[in-house]
Amino acid sequence: MVEFTLVLPVLLVVLFGIIQFGIVFSNYVALTDAVRAGARTAAVSRSAIDPVGDTKARVINASGDLKTADVTPTVTPGPLGWTHGEDVTVKATYPYSISLLGIVVASGNLTSSTTERIE
């Protein structure tokens, strides 16, 4: 019983750390998928009225379980603008924090970026 009492706090911290890391990794995967969807939209919408707005809206709509107010997408077309064959880069950030038993251990921004050629 004494050994269990000594080991239990360490096991709980490790368990909660694994859970928190899993949540952050899940958020990163959702952000990456949203950026990929946005890049695909950007690649096919060069003739749209507002391709940047359409792309940002697609990233936010595809963000899944993430808080859409915290997703910050940016769209950067190539040096020649929205012309056929140019590259467009879609990047998004999302804040994260890992807390163990109420203490913030790590925090920052998750970042994902994808580049596609404009069709």
PDB file of N, CA and C in Angstrom:
ATOM      1  N   MET A   1       0.819  -1.181   0.000  1.00  0.00           N
ATOM      2  CA  MET A   1       0.000   0.000   0.000  1.00  0.00           C
ATOM      3  C   MET A   1       0.875   1.262   0.000  1.00  0.00           C
ATOM      4  N   VAL A   2       1.969   1.242   0.726  1.00  0.00           N
ATOM      5  CA  VAL A   2       2.860   2.392   0.786  1.00  0.00           C
ATOM      6  C   VAL A   2       3.507   2.609  -0.575  1.00  0.00           C
ATOM      7  N   GLU A   3       3.935   1.535  -1.210  1.00  0.00           N
ATOM      8  CA  GLU A   3       4.551   1.664  -2.535  1.00  0.00           C
ATOM      9  C   GLU A   3       3.553   2.228  -3.544  1.00  0.00           C
ATOM     10  N   PHE A   4       2.336   1.763  -3.496  1.00  0.00           N
ATOM     11  CA  PHE A   4       1.300   2.271  -4.395  1.00  0.00           C
ATOM     12  C   PHE A   4       1.075   3.769  -4.162  1.00  0.00           C
ATOM     13  N   THR A   5       1.055   4.187  -2.938  1.00  0.00           N
ATOM     14  CA  THR A   5       0.872   5.595  -2.596  1.00  0.00           C
ATOM     15  C   THR A   5       2.020   6.439  -3.120  1.00  0.00           C
ATOM     16  N   LEU A   6       3.222   5.909  -3.133  1.00  0.00           N
ATOM     17  CA  LEU A   6       4.375   6.647  -3.632  1.00  0.00           C
ATOM     18  C   LEU A   6       4.405   6.708  -5.161  1.00  0.00           C
ATOM     19  N   VAL A   7       3.949   5.669  -5.814  1.00  0.00           N
ATOM     20  CA  VAL A   7       4.030   5.574  -7.269  1.00  0.00           C
ATOM     21  C   VAL A   7       2.816   6.208  -7.955  1.00  0.00           C
ATOM     22  N   LEU A   8       1.673   6.262  -7.297  1.00  0.00           N
ATOM     23  CA  LEU A   8       0.444   6.762  -7.908  1.00  0.00           C
ATOM     24  C   LEU A   8       0.570   8.183  -8.476  1.00  0.00           C
ATOM     25  N   PRO A   9       1.137   9.153  -7.787  1.00  0.00           N
ATOM     26  CA  PRO A   9       1.240  10.495  -8.389  1.00  0.00           C
ATOM     27  C   PRO A   9       2.066  10.513  -9.674  1.00  0.00           C
ATOM     28  N   VAL A  10       3.131   9.749  -9.712  1.00  0.00           N
ATOM     29  CA  VAL A  10       3.962   9.691 -10.920  1.00  0.00           C
ATOM     30  C   VAL A  10       3.175   9.071 -12.066  1.00  0.00           C
ATOM     31  N   LEU A  11       2.457   8.007 -11.797  1.00  0.00           N
ATOM     32  CA  LEU A  11       1.646   7.368 -12.832  1.00  0.00           C
ATOM     33  C   LEU A  11       0.551   8.301 -13.339  1.00  0.00           C
ATOM     34  N   LEU A  12      -0.082   9.049 -12.451  1.00  0.00           N
ATOM     35  CA  LEU A  12      -1.123   9.979 -12.872  1.00  0.00           C
ATOM     36  C   LEU A  12      -0.565  11.099 -13.748  1.00  0.00           C
ATOM     37  N   VAL A  13       0.602  11.624 -13.392  1.00  0.00           N
ATOM     38  CA  VAL A  13       1.216  12.678 -14.202  1.00  0.00           C
ATOM     39  C   VAL A  13       1.561  12.136 -15.587  1.00  0.00           C
ATOM     40  N   VAL A  14       2.102  10.944 -15.663  1.00  0.00           N
ATOM     41  CA  VAL A  14       2.427  10.334 -16.955  1.00  0.00           C
ATOM     42  C   VAL A  14       1.154  10.092 -17.763  1.00  0.00           C
ATOM     43  N   LEU A  15       0.116   9.587 -17.137  1.00  0.00           N
ATOM     44  CA  LEU A  15      -1.140   9.314 -17.828  1.00  0.00           C
ATOM     45  C   LEU A  15      -1.766  10.599 -18.368  1.00  0.00           C
ATOM     46  N   PHE A  16      -1.840  11.645 -17.536  1.00  0.00           N
ATOM     47  CA  PHE A  16      -2.411  12.904 -17.988  1.00  0.00           C
ATOM     48  C   PHE A  16      -1.539  13.561 -19.053  1.00  0.00           C
ATOM     49  N   GLY A  17      -0.233  13.381 -18.975  1.00  0.00           N
ATOM     50  CA  GLY A  17       0.666  13.891 -20.014  1.00  0.00           C
ATOM     51  C   GLY A  17       0.401  13.227 -21.351  1.00  0.00           C
ATOM     52  N   ILE A  18       0.190  11.935 -21.345  1.00  0.00           N
ATOM     53  CA  ILE A  18      -0.117  11.200 -22.579  1.00  0.00           C
ATOM     54  C   ILE A  18      -1.437  11.686 -23.162  1.00  0.00           C
ATOM     55  N   ILE A  19      -2.426  11.891 -22.319  1.00  0.00           N
ATOM     56  CA  ILE A  19      -3.732  12.366 -22.787  1.00  0.00           C
ATOM     57  C   ILE A  19      -3.606  13.761 -23.397  1.00  0.00           C
ATOM     58  N   GLN A  20      -2.909  14.666 -22.716  1.00  0.00           N
ATOM     59  CA  GLN A  20      -2.739  16.028 -23.225  1.00  0.00           C
ATOM     60  C   GLN A  20      -1.962  16.038 -24.545  1.00  0.00           C
ATOM     61  N   PHE A  21      -0.923  15.231 -24.633  1.00  0.00           N
ATOM     62  CA  PHE A  21      -0.163  15.148 -25.878  1.00  0.00           C
ATOM     63  C   PHE A  21      -1.042  14.615 -27.004  1.00  0.00           C
ATOM     64  N   GLY A  22      -1.885  13.640 -26.706  1.00  0.00           N
ATOM     65  CA  GLY A  22      -2.805  13.098 -27.709  1.00  0.00           C
ATOM     66  C   GLY A  22      -3.776  14.143 -28.219  1.00  0.00           C
ATOM     67  N   ILE A  23      -4.260  15.001 -27.334  1.00  0.00           N
ATOM     68  CA  ILE A  23      -5.176  16.066 -27.743  1.00  0.00           C
ATOM     69  C   ILE A  23      -4.456  17.060 -28.655  1.00  0.00           C
ATOM     70  N   VAL A  24      -3.244  17.442 -28.297  1.00  0.00           N
ATOM     71  CA  VAL A  24      -2.481  18.382 -29.125  1.00  0.00           C
ATOM     72  C   VAL A  24      -2.165  17.763 -30.486  1.00  0.00           C
ATOM     73  N   PHE A  25      -1.806  16.497 -30.510  1.00  0.00           N
ATOM     74  CA  PHE A  25      -1.515  15.833 -31.782  1.00  0.00           C
ATOM     75  C   PHE A  25      -2.766  15.746 -32.652  1.00  0.00           C
ATOM     76  N   SER A  26      -3.902  15.463 -32.040  1.00  0.00           N
ATOM     77  CA  SER A  26      -5.167  15.430 -32.779  1.00  0.00           C
ATOM     78  C   SER A  26      -5.475  16.801 -33.378  1.00  0.00           C
ATOM     79  N   ASN A  27      -5.234  17.856 -32.623  1.00  0.00           N
ATOM     80  CA  ASN A  27      -5.442  19.210 -33.138  1.00  0.00           C
ATOM     81  C   ASN A  27      -4.507  19.505 -34.308  1.00  0.00           C
ATOM     82  N   TYR A  28      -3.262  19.031 -34.232  1.00  0.00           N
ATOM     83  CA  TYR A  28      -2.313  19.239 -35.318  1.00  0.00           C
ATOM     84  C   TYR A  28      -2.769  18.516 -36.592  1.00  0.00           C
ATOM     85  N   VAL A  29      -3.259  17.311 -36.451  1.00  0.00           N
ATOM     86  CA  VAL A  29      -3.741  16.559 -37.610  1.00  0.00           C
ATOM     87  C   VAL A  29      -4.950  17.262 -38.230  1.00  0.00           C
ATOM     88  N   ALA A  30      -5.875  17.757 -37.397  1.00  0.00           N
ATOM     89  CA  ALA A  30      -7.036  18.485 -37.912  1.00  0.00           C
ATOM     90  C   ALA A  30      -6.610  19.765 -38.625  1.00  0.00           C
ATOM     91  N   LEU A  31      -5.627  20.467 -38.077  1.00  0.00           N
ATOM     92  CA  LEU A  31      -5.128  21.690 -38.703  1.00  0.00           C
ATOM     93  C   LEU A  31      -4.456  21.387 -40.040  1.00  0.00           C
ATOM     94  N   THR A  32      -3.683  20.321 -40.095  1.00  0.00           N
ATOM     95  CA  THR A  32      -3.020  19.923 -41.336  1.00  0.00           C
ATOM     96  C   THR A  32      -4.039  19.556 -42.409  1.00  0.00           C
ATOM     97  N   ASP A  33      -5.087  18.833 -42.041  1.00  0.00           N
ATOM     98  CA  ASP A  33      -6.125  18.481 -43.001  1.00  0.00           C
ATOM     99  C   ASP A  33      -6.862  19.724 -43.501  1.00  0.00           C
ATOM    100  N   ALA A  34      -7.116  20.679 -42.608  1.00  0.00           N
ATOM    101  CA  ALA A  34      -7.796  21.911 -43.011  1.00  0.00           C
ATOM    102  C   ALA A  34      -6.933  22.717 -43.980  1.00  0.00           C
ATOM    103  N   VAL A  35      -5.636  22.793 -43.718  1.00  0.00           N
ATOM    104  CA  VAL A  35      -4.736  23.516 -44.611  1.00  0.00           C
ATOM    105  C   VAL A  35      -4.657  22.824 -45.963  1.00  0.00           C
ATOM    106  N   ARG A  36      -4.635  21.515 -45.962  1.00  0.00           N
ATOM    107  CA  ARG A  36      -4.594  20.773 -47.223  1.00  0.00           C
ATOM    108  C   ARG A  36      -5.861  21.032 -48.046  1.00  0.00           C
ATOM    109  N   ALA A  37      -7.022  21.057 -47.384  1.00  0.00           N
ATOM    110  CA  ALA A  37      -8.274  21.353 -48.086  1.00  0.00           C
ATOM    111  C   ALA A  37      -8.268  22.777 -48.626  1.00  0.00           C
ATOM    112  N   GLY A  38      -7.745  23.708 -47.835  1.00  0.00           N
ATOM    113  CA  GLY A  38      -7.656  25.081 -48.295  1.00  0.00           C
ATOM    114  C   GLY A  38      -6.717  25.248 -49.476  1.00  0.00           C
ATOM    115  N   ALA A  39      -5.605  24.538 -49.467  1.00  0.00           N
ATOM    116  CA  ALA A  39      -4.656  24.621 -50.578  1.00  0.00           C
ATOM    117  C   ALA A  39      -5.269  24.064 -51.855  1.00  0.00           C
ATOM    118  N   ARG A  40      -6.041  23.027 -51.733  1.00  0.00           N
ATOM    119  CA  ARG A  40      -6.708  22.468 -52.911  1.00  0.00           C
ATOM    120  C   ARG A  40      -7.731  23.460 -53.466  1.00  0.00           C
ATOM    121  N   THR A  41      -8.458  24.120 -52.575  1.00  0.00           N
ATOM    122  CA  THR A  41      -9.406  25.141 -53.010  1.00  0.00           C
ATOM    123  C   THR A  41      -8.671  26.286 -53.697  1.00  0.00           C
ATOM    124  N   ALA A  42      -7.549  26.710 -53.142  1.00  0.00           N
ATOM    125  CA  ALA A  42      -6.774  27.795 -53.748  1.00  0.00           C
ATOM    126  C   ALA A  42      -6.257  27.400 -55.128  1.00  0.00           C
ATOM    127  N   ALA A  43      -5.881  26.147 -55.277  1.00  0.00           N
ATOM    128  CA  ALA A  43      -5.315  25.694 -56.553  1.00  0.00           C
ATOM    129  C   ALA A  43      -6.327  25.728 -57.686  1.00  0.00           C
ATOM    130  N   VAL A  44      -7.595  25.562 -57.372  1.00  0.00           N
ATOM    131  CA  VAL A  44      -8.618  25.501 -58.433  1.00  0.00           C
ATOM    132  C   VAL A  44      -9.492  26.749 -58.502  1.00  0.00           C
ATOM    133  N   SER A  45      -9.193  27.779 -57.715  1.00  0.00           N
ATOM    134  CA  SER A  45     -10.093  28.936 -57.697  1.00  0.00           C
ATOM    135  C   SER A  45      -9.437  30.219 -58.194  1.00  0.00           C
ATOM    136  N   ARG A  46      -8.544  30.123 -59.179  1.00  0.00           N
ATOM    137  CA  ARG A  46      -7.872  31.331 -59.659  1.00  0.00           C
ATOM    138  C   ARG A  46      -8.831  32.256 -60.381  1.00  0.00           C
ATOM    139  N   SER A  47      -9.916  31.732 -60.937  1.00  0.00           N
ATOM    140  CA  SER A  47     -10.873  32.579 -61.650  1.00  0.00           C
ATOM    141  C   SER A  47     -12.002  33.065 -60.740  1.00  0.00           C
ATOM    142  N   ALA A  48     -11.942  32.756 -59.462  1.00  0.00           N
ATOM    143  CA  ALA A  48     -12.977  33.206 -58.524  1.00  0.00           C
ATOM    144  C   ALA A  48     -12.836  34.702 -58.276  1.00  0.00           C
ATOM    145  N   ILE A  49     -13.897  35.306 -57.790  1.00  0.00           N
ATOM    146  CA  ILE A  49     -13.877  36.739 -57.501  1.00  0.00           C
ATOM    147  C   ILE A  49     -12.913  37.048 -56.364  1.00  0.00           C
ATOM    148  N   ASP A  50     -12.945  36.237 -55.309  1.00  0.00           N
ATOM    149  CA  ASP A  50     -12.069  36.439 -54.145  1.00  0.00           C
ATOM    150  C   ASP A  50     -11.412  35.112 -53.767  1.00  0.00           C
ATOM    151  N   PRO A  51     -10.348  34.705 -54.467  1.00  0.00           N
ATOM    152  CA  PRO A  51      -9.744  33.405 -54.168  1.00  0.00           C
ATOM    153  C   PRO A  51      -9.135  33.333 -52.770  1.00  0.00           C
ATOM    154  N   VAL A  52      -8.603  34.449 -52.261  1.00  0.00           N
ATOM    155  CA  VAL A  52      -8.021  34.444 -50.918  1.00  0.00           C
ATOM    156  C   VAL A  52      -9.109  34.232 -49.877  1.00  0.00           C
ATOM    157  N   GLY A  53     -10.222  34.941 -50.016  1.00  0.00           N
ATOM    158  CA  GLY A  53     -11.336  34.786 -49.082  1.00  0.00           C
ATOM    159  C   GLY A  53     -11.936  33.399 -49.133  1.00  0.00           C
ATOM    160  N   ASP A  54     -12.076  32.857 -50.360  1.00  0.00           N
ATOM    161  CA  ASP A  54     -12.607  31.495 -50.504  1.00  0.00           C
ATOM    162  C   ASP A  54     -11.692  30.476 -49.833  1.00  0.00           C
ATOM    163  N   THR A  55     -10.390  30.669 -49.989  1.00  0.00           N
ATOM    164  CA  THR A  55      -9.427  29.741 -49.411  1.00  0.00           C
ATOM    165  C   THR A  55      -9.446  29.810 -47.892  1.00  0.00           C
ATOM    166  N   LYS A  56      -9.457  31.020 -47.345  1.00  0.00           N
ATOM    167  CA  LYS A  56      -9.512  31.162 -45.887  1.00  0.00           C
ATOM    168  C   LYS A  56     -10.791  30.568 -45.321  1.00  0.00           C
ATOM    169  N   ALA A  57     -11.904  30.783 -46.005  1.00  0.00           N
ATOM    170  CA  ALA A  57     -13.179  30.215 -45.547  1.00  0.00           C
ATOM    171  C   ALA A  57     -13.128  28.689 -45.578  1.00  0.00           C
ATOM    172  N   ARG A  58     -12.489  28.128 -46.596  1.00  0.00           N
ATOM    173  CA  ARG A  58     -12.380  26.667 -46.702  1.00  0.00           C
ATOM    174  C   ARG A  58     -11.533  26.097 -45.570  1.00  0.00           C
ATOM    175  N   VAL A  59     -10.443  26.781 -45.231  1.00  0.00           N
ATOM    176  CA  VAL A  59      -9.594  26.317 -44.127  1.00  0.00           C
ATOM    177  C   VAL A  59     -10.392  26.326 -42.826  1.00  0.00           C
ATOM    178  N   ILE A  60     -11.113  27.393 -42.578  1.00  0.00           N
ATOM    179  CA  ILE A  60     -11.882  27.494 -41.340  1.00  0.00           C
ATOM    180  C   ILE A  60     -13.013  26.472 -41.311  1.00  0.00           C
ATOM    181  N   ASN A  61     -13.700  26.284 -42.438  1.00  0.00           N
ATOM    182  CA  ASN A  61     -14.804  25.314 -42.481  1.00  0.00           C
ATOM    183  C   ASN A  61     -14.315  23.877 -42.353  1.00  0.00           C
ATOM    184  N   ALA A  62     -13.103  23.605 -42.811  1.00  0.00           N
ATOM    185  CA  ALA A  62     -12.564  22.238 -42.773  1.00  0.00           C
ATOM    186  C   ALA A  62     -11.803  21.940 -41.493  1.00  0.00           C
ATOM    187  N   SER A  63     -11.810  22.874 -40.545  1.00  0.00           N
ATOM    188  CA  SER A  63     -10.998  22.688 -39.342  1.00  0.00           C
ATOM    189  C   SER A  63     -11.566  21.687 -38.350  1.00  0.00           C
ATOM    190  N   GLY A  64     -12.731  21.146 -38.613  1.00  0.00           N
ATOM    191  CA  GLY A  64     -13.266  20.064 -37.791  1.00  0.00           C
ATOM    192  C   GLY A  64     -13.568  20.471 -36.366  1.00  0.00           C
ATOM    193  N   ASP A  65     -12.951  19.795 -35.412  1.00  0.00           N
ATOM    194  CA  ASP A  65     -13.232  20.010 -34.000  1.00  0.00           C
ATOM    195  C   ASP A  65     -12.494  21.202 -33.397  1.00  0.00           C
ATOM    196  N   LEU A  66     -11.672  21.891 -34.171  1.00  0.00           N
ATOM    197  CA  LEU A  66     -10.936  23.034 -33.652  1.00  0.00           C
ATOM    198  C   LEU A  66     -11.880  24.219 -33.459  1.00  0.00           C
ATOM    199  N   LYS A  67     -11.546  25.089 -32.527  1.00  0.00           N
ATOM    200  CA  LYS A  67     -12.314  26.329 -32.357  1.00  0.00           C
ATOM    201  C   LYS A  67     -12.023  27.218 -33.552  1.00  0.00           C
ATOM    202  N   THR A  68     -13.033  27.466 -34.361  1.00  0.00           N
ATOM    203  CA  THR A  68     -12.810  28.199 -35.604  1.00  0.00           C
ATOM    204  C   THR A  68     -12.336  29.629 -35.365  1.00  0.00           C
ATOM    205  N   ALA A  69     -12.666  30.217 -34.234  1.00  0.00           N
ATOM    206  CA  ALA A  69     -12.214  31.580 -33.951  1.00  0.00           C
ATOM    207  C   ALA A  69     -10.705  31.637 -33.725  1.00  0.00           C
ATOM    208  N   ASP A  70     -10.091  30.509 -33.339  1.00  0.00           N
ATOM    209  CA  ASP A  70      -8.660  30.481 -33.057  1.00  0.00           C
ATOM    210  C   ASP A  70      -7.807  30.069 -34.248  1.00  0.00           C
ATOM    211  N   VAL A  71      -8.436  29.583 -35.317  1.00  0.00           N
ATOM    212  CA  VAL A  71      -7.692  29.185 -36.516  1.00  0.00           C
ATOM    213  C   VAL A  71      -7.368  30.454 -37.311  1.00  0.00           C
ATOM    214  N   THR A  72      -6.079  30.651 -37.598  1.00  0.00           N
ATOM    215  CA  THR A  72      -5.636  31.848 -38.321  1.00  0.00           C
ATOM    216  C   THR A  72      -4.982  31.441 -39.639  1.00  0.00           C
ATOM    217  N   PRO A  73      -5.754  31.454 -40.748  1.00  0.00           N
ATOM    218  CA  PRO A  73      -5.169  31.084 -42.037  1.00  0.00           C
ATOM    219  C   PRO A  73      -4.562  32.285 -42.760  1.00  0.00           C
ATOM    220  N   THR A  74      -3.500  32.016 -43.522  1.00  0.00           N
ATOM    221  CA  THR A  74      -2.914  33.014 -44.424  1.00  0.00           C
ATOM    222  C   THR A  74      -2.718  32.363 -45.786  1.00  0.00           C
ATOM    223  N   VAL A  75      -2.919  33.148 -46.833  1.00  0.00           N
ATOM    224  CA  VAL A  75      -2.790  32.657 -48.204  1.00  0.00           C
ATOM    225  C   VAL A  75      -1.786  33.546 -48.923  1.00  0.00           C
ATOM    226  N   THR A  76      -0.764  32.918 -49.523  1.00  0.00           N
ATOM    227  CA  THR A  76       0.271  33.666 -50.219  1.00  0.00           C
ATOM    228  C   THR A  76       0.417  33.125 -51.638  1.00  0.00           C
ATOM    229  N   PRO A  77      -0.113  33.855 -52.634  1.00  0.00           N
ATOM    230  CA  PRO A  77       0.092  33.409 -54.015  1.00  0.00           C
ATOM    231  C   PRO A  77       1.526  33.687 -54.454  1.00  0.00           C
ATOM    232  N   GLY A  78       1.910  33.122 -55.573  1.00  0.00           N
ATOM    233  CA  GLY A  78       3.261  33.295 -56.096  1.00  0.00           C
ATOM    234  C   GLY A  78       3.533  34.731 -56.524  1.00  0.00           C
ATOM    235  N   PRO A  79       4.751  35.013 -56.977  1.00  0.00           N
ATOM    236  CA  PRO A  79       5.122  36.382 -57.344  1.00  0.00           C
ATOM    237  C   PRO A  79       4.313  36.951 -58.514  1.00  0.00           C
ATOM    238  N   LEU A  80       3.781  36.092 -59.379  1.00  0.00           N
ATOM    239  CA  LEU A  80       2.969  36.565 -60.509  1.00  0.00           C
ATOM    240  C   LEU A  80       1.486  36.603 -60.174  1.00  0.00           C
ATOM    241  N   GLY A  81       1.124  36.338 -58.922  1.00  0.00           N
ATOM    242  CA  GLY A  81      -0.283  36.376 -58.515  1.00  0.00           C
ATOM    243  C   GLY A  81      -1.006  35.085 -58.829  1.00  0.00           C
ATOM    244  N   TRP A  82      -2.267  35.218 -59.145  1.00  0.00           N
ATOM    245  CA  TRP A  82      -3.134  34.053 -59.363  1.00  0.00           C
ATOM    246  C   TRP A  82      -3.122  33.644 -60.831  1.00  0.00           C
ATOM    247  N   THR A  83      -1.959  33.324 -61.356  1.00  0.00           N
ATOM    248  CA  THR A  83      -1.855  32.880 -62.740  1.00  0.00           C
ATOM    249  C   THR A  83      -1.594  31.382 -62.782  1.00  0.00           C
ATOM    250  N   HIS A  84      -1.958  30.804 -63.908  1.00  0.00           N
ATOM    251  CA  HIS A  84      -1.791  29.365 -64.103  1.00  0.00           C
ATOM    252  C   HIS A  84      -0.315  28.976 -63.971  1.00  0.00           C
ATOM    253  N   GLY A  85      -0.039  27.948 -63.190  1.00  0.00           N
ATOM    254  CA  GLY A  85       1.316  27.439 -63.020  1.00  0.00           C
ATOM    255  C   GLY A  85       2.071  28.006 -61.840  1.00  0.00           C
ATOM    256  N   GLU A  86       1.568  29.083 -61.246  1.00  0.00           N
ATOM    257  CA  GLU A  86       2.207  29.653 -60.054  1.00  0.00           C
ATOM    258  C   GLU A  86       1.882  28.791 -58.836  1.00  0.00           C
ATOM    259  N   ASP A  87       2.696  28.921 -57.815  1.00  0.00           N
ATOM    260  CA  ASP A  87       2.438  28.222 -56.561  1.00  0.00           C
ATOM    261  C   ASP A  87       1.659  29.127 -55.613  1.00  0.00           C
ATOM    262  N   VAL A  88       0.823  28.511 -54.814  1.00  0.00           N
ATOM    263  CA  VAL A  88       0.120  29.226 -53.754  1.00  0.00           C
ATOM    264  C   VAL A  88       0.404  28.477 -52.450  1.00  0.00           C
ATOM    265  N   THR A  89       0.719  29.218 -51.410  1.00  0.00           N
ATOM    266  CA  THR A  89       1.019  28.629 -50.111  1.00  0.00           C
ATOM    267  C   THR A  89      -0.079  28.999 -49.129  1.00  0.00           C
ATOM    268  N   VAL A  90      -0.622  27.986 -48.493  1.00  0.00           N
ATOM    269  CA  VAL A  90      -1.656  28.185 -47.475  1.00  0.00           C
ATOM    270  C   VAL A  90      -1.062  27.748 -46.143  1.00  0.00           C
ATOM    271  N   LYS A  91      -1.149  28.632 -45.169  1.00  0.00           N
ATOM    272  CA  LYS A  91      -0.576  28.375 -43.855  1.00  0.00           C
ATOM    273  C   LYS A  91      -1.627  28.714 -42.805  1.00  0.00           C
ATOM    274  N   ALA A  92      -1.651  27.960 -41.724  1.00  0.00           N
ATOM    275  CA  ALA A  92      -2.588  28.251 -40.636  1.00  0.00           C
ATOM    276  C   ALA A  92      -1.902  27.970 -39.301  1.00  0.00           C
ATOM    277  N   THR A  93      -2.318  28.730 -38.298  1.00  0.00           N
ATOM    278  CA  THR A  93      -1.811  28.521 -36.943  1.00  0.00           C
ATOM    279  C   THR A  93      -2.987  28.309 -36.002  1.00  0.00           C
ATOM    280  N   TYR A  94      -2.713  27.606 -34.911  1.00  0.00           N
ATOM    281  CA  TYR A  94      -3.725  27.314 -33.900  1.00  0.00           C
ATOM    282  C   TYR A  94      -3.016  27.200 -32.549  1.00  0.00           C
ATOM    283  N   PRO A  95      -3.506  27.903 -31.533  1.00  0.00           N
ATOM    284  CA  PRO A  95      -2.824  27.870 -30.237  1.00  0.00           C
ATOM    285  C   PRO A  95      -3.038  26.535 -29.508  1.00  0.00           C
ATOM    286  N   TYR A  96      -2.052  26.149 -28.714  1.00  0.00           N
ATOM    287  CA  TYR A  96      -2.167  24.948 -27.889  1.00  0.00           C
ATOM    288  C   TYR A  96      -1.536  25.202 -26.532  1.00  0.00           C
ATOM    289  N   SER A  97      -1.907  24.393 -25.577  1.00  0.00           N
ATOM    290  CA  SER A  97      -1.231  24.394 -24.278  1.00  0.00           C
ATOM    291  C   SER A  97      -1.365  23.004 -23.674  1.00  0.00           C
ATOM    292  N   ILE A  98      -0.292  22.553 -23.074  1.00  0.00           N
ATOM    293  CA  ILE A  98      -0.281  21.266 -22.387  1.00  0.00           C
ATOM    294  C   ILE A  98      -0.185  21.564 -20.898  1.00  0.00           C
ATOM    295  N   SER A  99      -1.215  21.171 -20.172  1.00  0.00           N
ATOM    296  CA  SER A  99      -1.218  21.412 -18.728  1.00  0.00           C
ATOM    297  C   SER A  99      -1.368  20.095 -17.987  1.00  0.00           C
ATOM    298  N   LEU A 100      -0.585  19.947 -16.955  1.00  0.00           N
ATOM    299  CA  LEU A 100      -0.637  18.759 -16.110  1.00  0.00           C
ATOM    300  C   LEU A 100      -1.064  19.179 -14.715  1.00  0.00           C
ATOM    301  N   LEU A 101      -2.206  18.684 -14.303  1.00  0.00           N
ATOM    302  CA  LEU A 101      -2.766  18.975 -12.986  1.00  0.00           C
ATOM    303  C   LEU A 101      -2.877  20.477 -12.749  1.00  0.00           C
ATOM    304  N   GLY A 102      -3.299  21.207 -13.776  1.00  0.00           N
ATOM    305  CA  GLY A 102      -3.509  22.637 -13.662  1.00  0.00           C
ATOM    306  C   GLY A 102      -2.293  23.500 -13.898  1.00  0.00           C
ATOM    307  N   ILE A 103      -1.133  22.900 -14.120  1.00  0.00           N
ATOM    308  CA  ILE A 103       0.101  23.656 -14.363  1.00  0.00           C
ATOM    309  C   ILE A 103       0.431  23.570 -15.843  1.00  0.00           C
ATOM    310  N   VAL A 104       0.559  24.718 -16.505  1.00  0.00           N
ATOM    311  CA  VAL A 104       0.879  24.741 -17.933  1.00  0.00           C
ATOM    312  C   VAL A 104       2.355  24.387 -18.113  1.00  0.00           C
ATOM    313  N   VAL A 105       2.576  23.271 -18.794  1.00  0.00           N
ATOM    314  CA  VAL A 105       3.932  22.777 -19.020  1.00  0.00           C
ATOM    315  C   VAL A 105       4.500  23.341 -20.320  1.00  0.00           C
ATOM    316  N   ALA A 106       3.670  23.412 -21.355  1.00  0.00           N
ATOM    317  CA  ALA A 106       4.106  23.922 -22.657  1.00  0.00           C
ATOM    318  C   ALA A 106       2.927  24.603 -23.338  1.00  0.00           C
ATOM    319  N   SER A 107       3.225  25.650 -24.086  1.00  0.00           N
ATOM    320  CA  SER A 107       2.183  26.314 -24.865  1.00  0.00           C
ATOM    321  C   SER A 107       2.841  26.990 -26.055  1.00  0.00           C
ATOM    322  N   GLY A 108       2.037  27.308 -27.037  1.00  0.00           N
ATOM    323  CA  GLY A 108       2.550  27.947 -28.242  1.00  0.00           C
ATOM    324  C   GLY A 108       1.529  27.868 -29.345  1.00  0.00           C
ATOM    325  N   ASN A 109       1.995  27.845 -30.572  1.00  0.00           N
ATOM    326  CA  ASN A 109       1.121  27.756 -31.734  1.00  0.00           C
ATOM    327  C   ASN A 109       1.496  26.552 -32.581  1.00  0.00           C
ATOM    328  N   LEU A 110       0.487  25.788 -32.970  1.00  0.00           N
ATOM    329  CA  LEU A 110       0.676  24.745 -33.961  1.00  0.00           C
ATOM    330  C   LEU A 110       0.646  25.430 -35.318  1.00  0.00           C
ATOM    331  N   THR A 111       1.523  25.032 -36.221  1.00  0.00           N
ATOM    332  CA  THR A 111       1.591  25.650 -37.548  1.00  0.00           C
ATOM    333  C   THR A 111       1.631  24.554 -38.604  1.00  0.00           C
ATOM    334  N   SER A 112       0.846  24.752 -39.647  1.00  0.00           N
ATOM    335  CA  SER A 112       0.865  23.820 -40.772  1.00  0.00           C
ATOM    336  C   SER A 112       0.848  24.637 -42.055  1.00  0.00           C
ATOM    337  N   SER A 113       1.548  24.153 -43.069  1.00  0.00           N
ATOM    338  CA  SER A 113       1.661  24.881 -44.326  1.00  0.00           C
ATOM    339  C   SER A 113       1.661  23.891 -45.490  1.00  0.00           C
ATOM    340  N   THR A 114       0.991  24.271 -46.572  1.00  0.00           N
ATOM    341  CA  THR A 114       0.953  23.439 -47.763  1.00  0.00           C
ATOM    342  C   THR A 114       1.084  24.344 -48.990  1.00  0.00           C
ATOM    343  N   THR A 115       1.842  23.886 -49.963  1.00  0.00           N
ATOM    344  CA  THR A 115       2.015  24.627 -51.217  1.00  0.00           C
ATOM    345  C   THR A 115       1.498  23.780 -52.368  1.00  0.00           C
ATOM    346  N   GLU A 116       0.670  24.395 -53.225  1.00  0.00           N
ATOM    347  CA  GLU A 116       0.162  23.701 -54.418  1.00  0.00           C
ATOM    348  C   GLU A 116       0.282  24.609 -55.621  1.00  0.00           C
ATOM    349  N   ARG A 117       0.299  24.008 -56.780  1.00  0.00           N
ATOM    350  CA  ARG A 117       0.386  24.747 -58.029  1.00  0.00           C
ATOM    351  C   ARG A 117      -1.022  25.136 -58.473  1.00  0.00           C
ATOM    352  N   ILE A 118      -1.185  26.379 -58.913  1.00  0.00           N
ATOM    353  CA  ILE A 118      -2.485  26.875 -59.357  1.00  0.00           C
ATOM    354  C   ILE A 118      -2.804  26.280 -60.718  1.00  0.00           C
ATOM    355  N   GLU A 119      -4.003  25.746 -60.829  1.00  0.00           N
ATOM    356  CA  GLU A 119      -4.426  25.122 -62.091  1.00  0.00           C
ATOM    357  C   GLU A 119      -5.063  26.130 -63.020  1.00  0.00           C
TER     358      GLU A 119
END
